[in-house]
PDB file of N, CA and C in Angstrom:
ATOM      1  N   MET A   1       0.832  -1.188   0.000  1.00  0.00           N
ATOM      2  CA  MET A   1       0.000   0.000   0.000  1.00  0.00           C
ATOM      3  C   MET A   1       0.875   1.250   0.000  1.00  0.00           C
ATOM      4  N   GLU A   2       0.361   2.279  -0.634  1.00  0.00           N
ATOM      5  CA  GLU A   2       1.106   3.523  -0.689  1.00  0.00           C
ATOM      6  C   GLU A   2       0.851   4.351   0.563  1.00  0.00           C
ATOM      7  N   LYS A   3       1.829   5.163   0.903  1.00  0.00           N
ATOM      8  CA  LYS A   3       1.656   6.073   2.029  1.00  0.00           C
ATOM      9  C   LYS A   3       0.737   7.214   1.592  1.00  0.00           C
ATOM     10  N   PRO A   4      -0.103   7.706   2.481  1.00  0.00           N
ATOM     11  CA  PRO A   4      -0.931   8.859   2.123  1.00  0.00           C
ATOM     12  C   PRO A   4      -0.050  10.084   1.894  1.00  0.00           C
ATOM     13  N   LYS A   5      -0.444  10.902   0.917  1.00  0.00           N
ATOM     14  CA  LYS A   5       0.346  12.089   0.606  1.00  0.00           C
ATOM     15  C   LYS A   5       0.211  13.108   1.731  1.00  0.00           C
ATOM     16  N   GLN A   6       1.323  13.562   2.221  1.00  0.00           N
ATOM     17  CA  GLN A   6       1.317  14.563   3.283  1.00  0.00           C
ATOM     18  C   GLN A   6       1.357  15.972   2.708  1.00  0.00           C
ATOM     19  N   GLU A   7       2.008  16.131   1.575  1.00  0.00           N
ATOM     20  CA  GLU A   7       2.154  17.452   0.984  1.00  0.00           C
ATOM     21  C   GLU A   7       1.471  17.476  -0.378  1.00  0.00           C
ATOM     22  N   LEU A   8       0.983  18.644  -0.734  1.00  0.00           N
ATOM     23  CA  LEU A   8       0.352  18.808  -2.035  1.00  0.00           C
ATOM     24  C   LEU A   8       1.422  19.018  -3.096  1.00  0.00           C
ATOM     25  N   ASP A   9       1.173  18.477  -4.272  1.00  0.00           N
ATOM     26  CA  ASP A   9       2.067  18.739  -5.387  1.00  0.00           C
ATOM     27  C   ASP A   9       1.935  20.199  -5.780  1.00  0.00           C
ATOM     28  N   SER A  10       2.925  20.709  -6.486  1.00  0.00           N
ATOM     29  CA  SER A  10       2.874  22.109  -6.893  1.00  0.00           C
ATOM     30  C   SER A  10       1.704  22.363  -7.842  1.00  0.00           C
ATOM     31  N   VAL A  11       1.364  21.383  -8.674  1.00  0.00           N
ATOM     32  CA  VAL A  11       0.234  21.522  -9.599  1.00  0.00           C
ATOM     33  C   VAL A  11      -1.070  21.617  -8.811  1.00  0.00           C
ATOM     34  N   GLU A  12      -1.231  20.773  -7.815  1.00  0.00           N
ATOM     35  CA  GLU A  12      -2.439  20.802  -6.990  1.00  0.00           C
ATOM     36  C   GLU A  12      -2.550  22.114  -6.228  1.00  0.00           C
ATOM     37  N   LEU A  13      -1.436  22.617  -5.741  1.00  0.00           N
ATOM     38  CA  LEU A  13      -1.425  23.879  -5.013  1.00  0.00           C
ATOM     39  C   LEU A  13      -1.827  25.030  -5.923  1.00  0.00           C
ATOM     40  N   GLU A  14      -1.304  25.055  -7.136  1.00  0.00           N
ATOM     41  CA  GLU A  14      -1.660  26.096  -8.092  1.00  0.00           C
ATOM     42  C   GLU A  14      -3.137  26.026  -8.453  1.00  0.00           C
ATOM     43  N   ARG A  15      -3.659  24.816  -8.591  1.00  0.00           N
ATOM     44  CA  ARG A  15      -5.079  24.637  -8.911  1.00  0.00           C
ATOM     45  C   ARG A  15      -5.961  25.158  -7.775  1.00  0.00           C
ATOM     46  N   LEU A  16      -5.574  24.873  -6.532  1.00  0.00           N
ATOM     47  CA  LEU A  16      -6.327  25.381  -5.384  1.00  0.00           C
ATOM     48  C   LEU A  16      -6.305  26.906  -5.334  1.00  0.00           C
ATOM     49  N   LYS A  17      -5.148  27.498  -5.592  1.00  0.00           N
ATOM     50  CA  LYS A  17      -5.039  28.955  -5.582  1.00  0.00           C
ATOM     51  C   LYS A  17      -5.906  29.571  -6.675  1.00  0.00           C
ATOM     52  N   ALA A  18      -5.927  28.945  -7.847  1.00  0.00           N
ATOM     53  CA  ALA A  18      -6.744  29.459  -8.948  1.00  0.00           C
ATOM     54  C   ALA A  18      -8.231  29.369  -8.604  1.00  0.00           C
ATOM     55  N   ASN A  19      -8.631  28.276  -7.959  1.00  0.00           N
ATOM     56  CA  ASN A  19     -10.038  28.111  -7.600  1.00  0.00           C
ATOM     57  C   ASN A  19     -10.471  29.099  -6.513  1.00  0.00           C
ATOM     58  N   LEU A  20      -9.558  29.490  -5.659  1.00  0.00           N
ATOM     59  CA  LEU A  20      -9.910  30.461  -4.622  1.00  0.00           C
ATOM     60  C   LEU A  20     -10.159  31.851  -5.209  1.00  0.00           C
ATOM     61  N   LYS A  21      -9.635  32.106  -6.388  1.00  0.00           N
ATOM     62  CA  LYS A  21      -9.819  33.402  -7.036  1.00  0.00           C
ATOM     63  C   LYS A  21     -11.155  33.501  -7.766  1.00  0.00           C
ATOM     64  N   LEU A  22     -11.889  32.403  -7.861  1.00  0.00           N
ATOM     65  CA  LEU A  22     -13.176  32.423  -8.549  1.00  0.00           C
ATOM     66  C   LEU A  22     -14.198  33.215  -7.750  1.00  0.00           C
ATOM     67  N   SER A  23     -15.114  33.833  -8.452  1.00  0.00           N
ATOM     68  CA  SER A  23     -16.178  34.563  -7.760  1.00  0.00           C
ATOM     69  C   SER A  23     -17.200  33.574  -7.217  1.00  0.00           C
ATOM     70  N   TYR A  24     -18.081  34.074  -6.369  1.00  0.00           N
ATOM     71  CA  TYR A  24     -19.124  33.218  -5.806  1.00  0.00           C
ATOM     72  C   TYR A  24     -20.043  32.683  -6.902  1.00  0.00           C
ATOM     73  N   LYS A  25     -20.305  33.498  -7.924  1.00  0.00           N
ATOM     74  CA  LYS A  25     -21.162  33.062  -9.031  1.00  0.00           C
ATOM     75  C   LYS A  25     -20.501  31.915  -9.792  1.00  0.00           C
ATOM     76  N   GLU A  26     -19.210  32.035 -10.062  1.00  0.00           N
ATOM     77  CA  GLU A  26     -18.491  30.972 -10.772  1.00  0.00           C
ATOM     78  C   GLU A  26     -18.458  29.693  -9.944  1.00  0.00           C
ATOM     79  N   ARG A  27     -18.261  29.819  -8.643  1.00  0.00           N
ATOM     80  CA  ARG A  27     -18.270  28.642  -7.768  1.00  0.00           C
ATOM     81  C   ARG A  27     -19.645  27.982  -7.763  1.00  0.00           C
ATOM     82  N   PHE A  28     -20.702  28.804  -7.704  1.00  0.00           N
ATOM     83  CA  PHE A  28     -22.059  28.281  -7.705  1.00  0.00           C
ATOM     84  C   PHE A  28     -22.358  27.550  -9.007  1.00  0.00           C
ATOM     85  N   GLU A  29     -21.963  28.147 -10.137  1.00  0.00           N
ATOM     86  CA  GLU A  29     -22.207  27.509 -11.429  1.00  0.00           C
ATOM     87  C   GLU A  29     -21.455  26.186 -11.541  1.00  0.00           C
ATOM     88  N   MET A  30     -20.228  26.134 -11.045  1.00  0.00           N
ATOM     89  CA  MET A  30     -19.446  24.895 -11.093  1.00  0.00           C
ATOM     90  C   MET A  30     -20.087  23.835 -10.205  1.00  0.00           C
ATOM     91  N   LEU A  31     -20.514  24.222  -9.009  1.00  0.00           N
ATOM     92  CA  LEU A  31     -21.161  23.288  -8.094  1.00  0.00           C
ATOM     93  C   LEU A  31     -22.465  22.767  -8.685  1.00  0.00           C
ATOM     94  N   THR A  32     -23.231  23.650  -9.317  1.00  0.00           N
ATOM     95  CA  THR A  32     -24.484  23.247  -9.944  1.00  0.00           C
ATOM     96  C   THR A  32     -24.227  22.237 -11.061  1.00  0.00           C
ATOM     97  N   ARG A  33     -23.211  22.486 -11.854  1.00  0.00           N
ATOM     98  CA  ARG A  33     -22.858  21.568 -12.942  1.00  0.00           C
ATOM     99  C   ARG A  33     -22.492  20.194 -12.385  1.00  0.00           C
ATOM    100  N   LEU A  34     -21.667  20.168 -11.330  1.00  0.00           N
ATOM    101  CA  LEU A  34     -21.271  18.900 -10.722  1.00  0.00           C
ATOM    102  C   LEU A  34     -22.463  18.176 -10.110  1.00  0.00           C
ATOM    103  N   TYR A  35     -23.378  18.931  -9.498  1.00  0.00           N
ATOM    104  CA  TYR A  35     -24.567  18.335  -8.904  1.00  0.00           C
ATOM    105  C   TYR A  35     -25.445  17.696  -9.969  1.00  0.00           C
ATOM    106  N   LYS A  36     -25.607  18.370 -11.109  1.00  0.00           N
ATOM    107  CA  LYS A  36     -26.413  17.814 -12.197  1.00  0.00           C
ATOM    108  C   LYS A  36     -25.789  16.533 -12.742  1.00  0.00           C
ATOM    109  N   ILE A  37     -24.466  16.521 -12.847  1.00  0.00           N
ATOM    110  CA  ILE A  37     -23.777  15.312 -13.313  1.00  0.00           C
ATOM    111  C   ILE A  37     -23.993  14.179 -12.316  1.00  0.00           C
ATOM    112  N   GLN A  38     -23.902  14.484 -11.020  1.00  0.00           N
ATOM    113  CA  GLN A  38     -24.112  13.466  -9.994  1.00  0.00           C
ATOM    114  C   GLN A  38     -25.528  12.902 -10.075  1.00  0.00           C
ATOM    115  N   GLN A  39     -26.519  13.764 -10.255  1.00  0.00           N
ATOM    116  CA  GLN A  39     -27.898  13.315 -10.354  1.00  0.00           C
ATOM    117  C   GLN A  39     -28.094  12.420 -11.573  1.00  0.00           C
ATOM    118  N   THR A  40     -27.474  12.784 -12.690  1.00  0.00           N
ATOM    119  CA  THR A  40     -27.564  11.970 -13.897  1.00  0.00           C
ATOM    120  C   THR A  40     -26.941  10.600 -13.678  1.00  0.00           C
ATOM    121  N   MET A  41     -25.775  10.570 -13.021  1.00  0.00           N
ATOM    122  CA  MET A  41     -25.101   9.301 -12.771  1.00  0.00           C
ATOM    123  C   MET A  41     -25.882   8.435 -11.794  1.00  0.00           C
ATOM    124  N   ASP A  42     -26.550   9.049 -10.821  1.00  0.00           N
ATOM    125  CA  ASP A  42     -27.360   8.281  -9.869  1.00  0.00           C
ATOM    126  C   ASP A  42     -28.550   7.632 -10.553  1.00  0.00           C
ATOM    127  N   ARG A  43     -29.118   8.304 -11.561  1.00  0.00           N
ATOM    128  CA  ARG A  43     -30.289   7.766 -12.259  1.00  0.00           C
ATOM    129  C   ARG A  43     -29.914   6.801 -13.379  1.00  0.00           C
ATOM    130  N   ALA A  44     -28.654   6.770 -13.755  1.00  0.00           N
ATOM    131  CA  ALA A  44     -28.220   5.924 -14.866  1.00  0.00           C
ATOM    132  C   ALA A  44     -28.253   4.449 -14.471  1.00  0.00           C
ATOM    133  N   SER A  45     -28.571   3.614 -15.434  1.00  0.00           N
ATOM    134  CA  SER A  45     -28.526   2.174 -15.190  1.00  0.00           C
ATOM    135  C   SER A  45     -27.744   1.521 -16.322  1.00  0.00           C
ATOM    136  N   ILE A  46     -27.001   0.511 -15.973  1.00  0.00           N
ATOM    137  CA  ILE A  46     -26.192  -0.208 -16.953  1.00  0.00           C
ATOM    138  C   ILE A  46     -26.997  -1.402 -17.438  1.00  0.00           C
ATOM    139  N   VAL A  47     -27.180  -1.461 -18.750  1.00  0.00           N
ATOM    140  CA  VAL A  47     -27.925  -2.557 -19.354  1.00  0.00           C
ATOM    141  C   VAL A  47     -26.914  -3.439 -20.079  1.00  0.00           C
ATOM    142  N   HIS A  48     -26.915  -4.706 -19.736  1.00  0.00           N
ATOM    143  CA  HIS A  48     -25.949  -5.628 -20.329  1.00  0.00           C
ATOM    144  C   HIS A  48     -26.699  -6.774 -20.989  1.00  0.00           C
ATOM    145  N   LYS A  49     -26.367  -7.001 -22.240  1.00  0.00           N
ATOM    146  CA  LYS A  49     -26.915  -8.154 -22.936  1.00  0.00           C
ATOM    147  C   LYS A  49     -25.779  -9.156 -23.112  1.00  0.00           C
ATOM    148  N   PRO A  50     -26.008 -10.410 -22.801  1.00  0.00           N
ATOM    149  CA  PRO A  50     -24.926 -11.380 -22.937  1.00  0.00           C
ATOM    150  C   PRO A  50     -24.517 -11.559 -24.399  1.00  0.00           C
ATOM    151  N   PHE A  51     -23.220 -11.712 -24.609  1.00  0.00           N
ATOM    152  CA  PHE A  51     -22.682 -11.929 -25.942  1.00  0.00           C
ATOM    153  C   PHE A  51     -22.882 -13.392 -26.335  1.00  0.00           C
ATOM    154  N   ILE A  52     -23.518 -13.609 -27.481  1.00  0.00           N
ATOM    155  CA  ILE A  52     -23.752 -14.969 -27.969  1.00  0.00           C
ATOM    156  C   ILE A  52     -22.936 -15.156 -29.251  1.00  0.00           C
ATOM    157  N   ASN A  53     -22.055 -16.120 -29.225  1.00  0.00           N
ATOM    158  CA  ASN A  53     -21.204 -16.407 -30.372  1.00  0.00           C
ATOM    159  C   ASN A  53     -21.850 -17.546 -31.165  1.00  0.00           C
ATOM    160  N   ASN A  54     -22.266 -17.287 -32.388  1.00  0.00           N
ATOM    161  CA  ASN A  54     -22.935 -18.294 -33.213  1.00  0.00           C
ATOM    162  C   ASN A  54     -21.977 -18.920 -34.229  1.00  0.00           C
ATOM    163  N   LYS A  55     -20.918 -19.513 -33.769  1.00  0.00           N
ATOM    164  CA  LYS A  55     -19.970 -20.170 -34.663  1.00  0.00           C
ATOM    165  C   LYS A  55     -20.211 -21.646 -34.715  1.00  0.00           C
TER     166      LYS A  55
END
């Protein structure tokens, strides 16, 4: 098993700093988008048909 990361990578740190600069409206729109995706994924169902080989 891998050790849990104690420090953030520089890329992750830059991403966090960029996200903190977003306005409340931009944060709300992003959260709304993620919520809609989550709702879609919760309602999704996987339909599987067995593969039949007719050789």
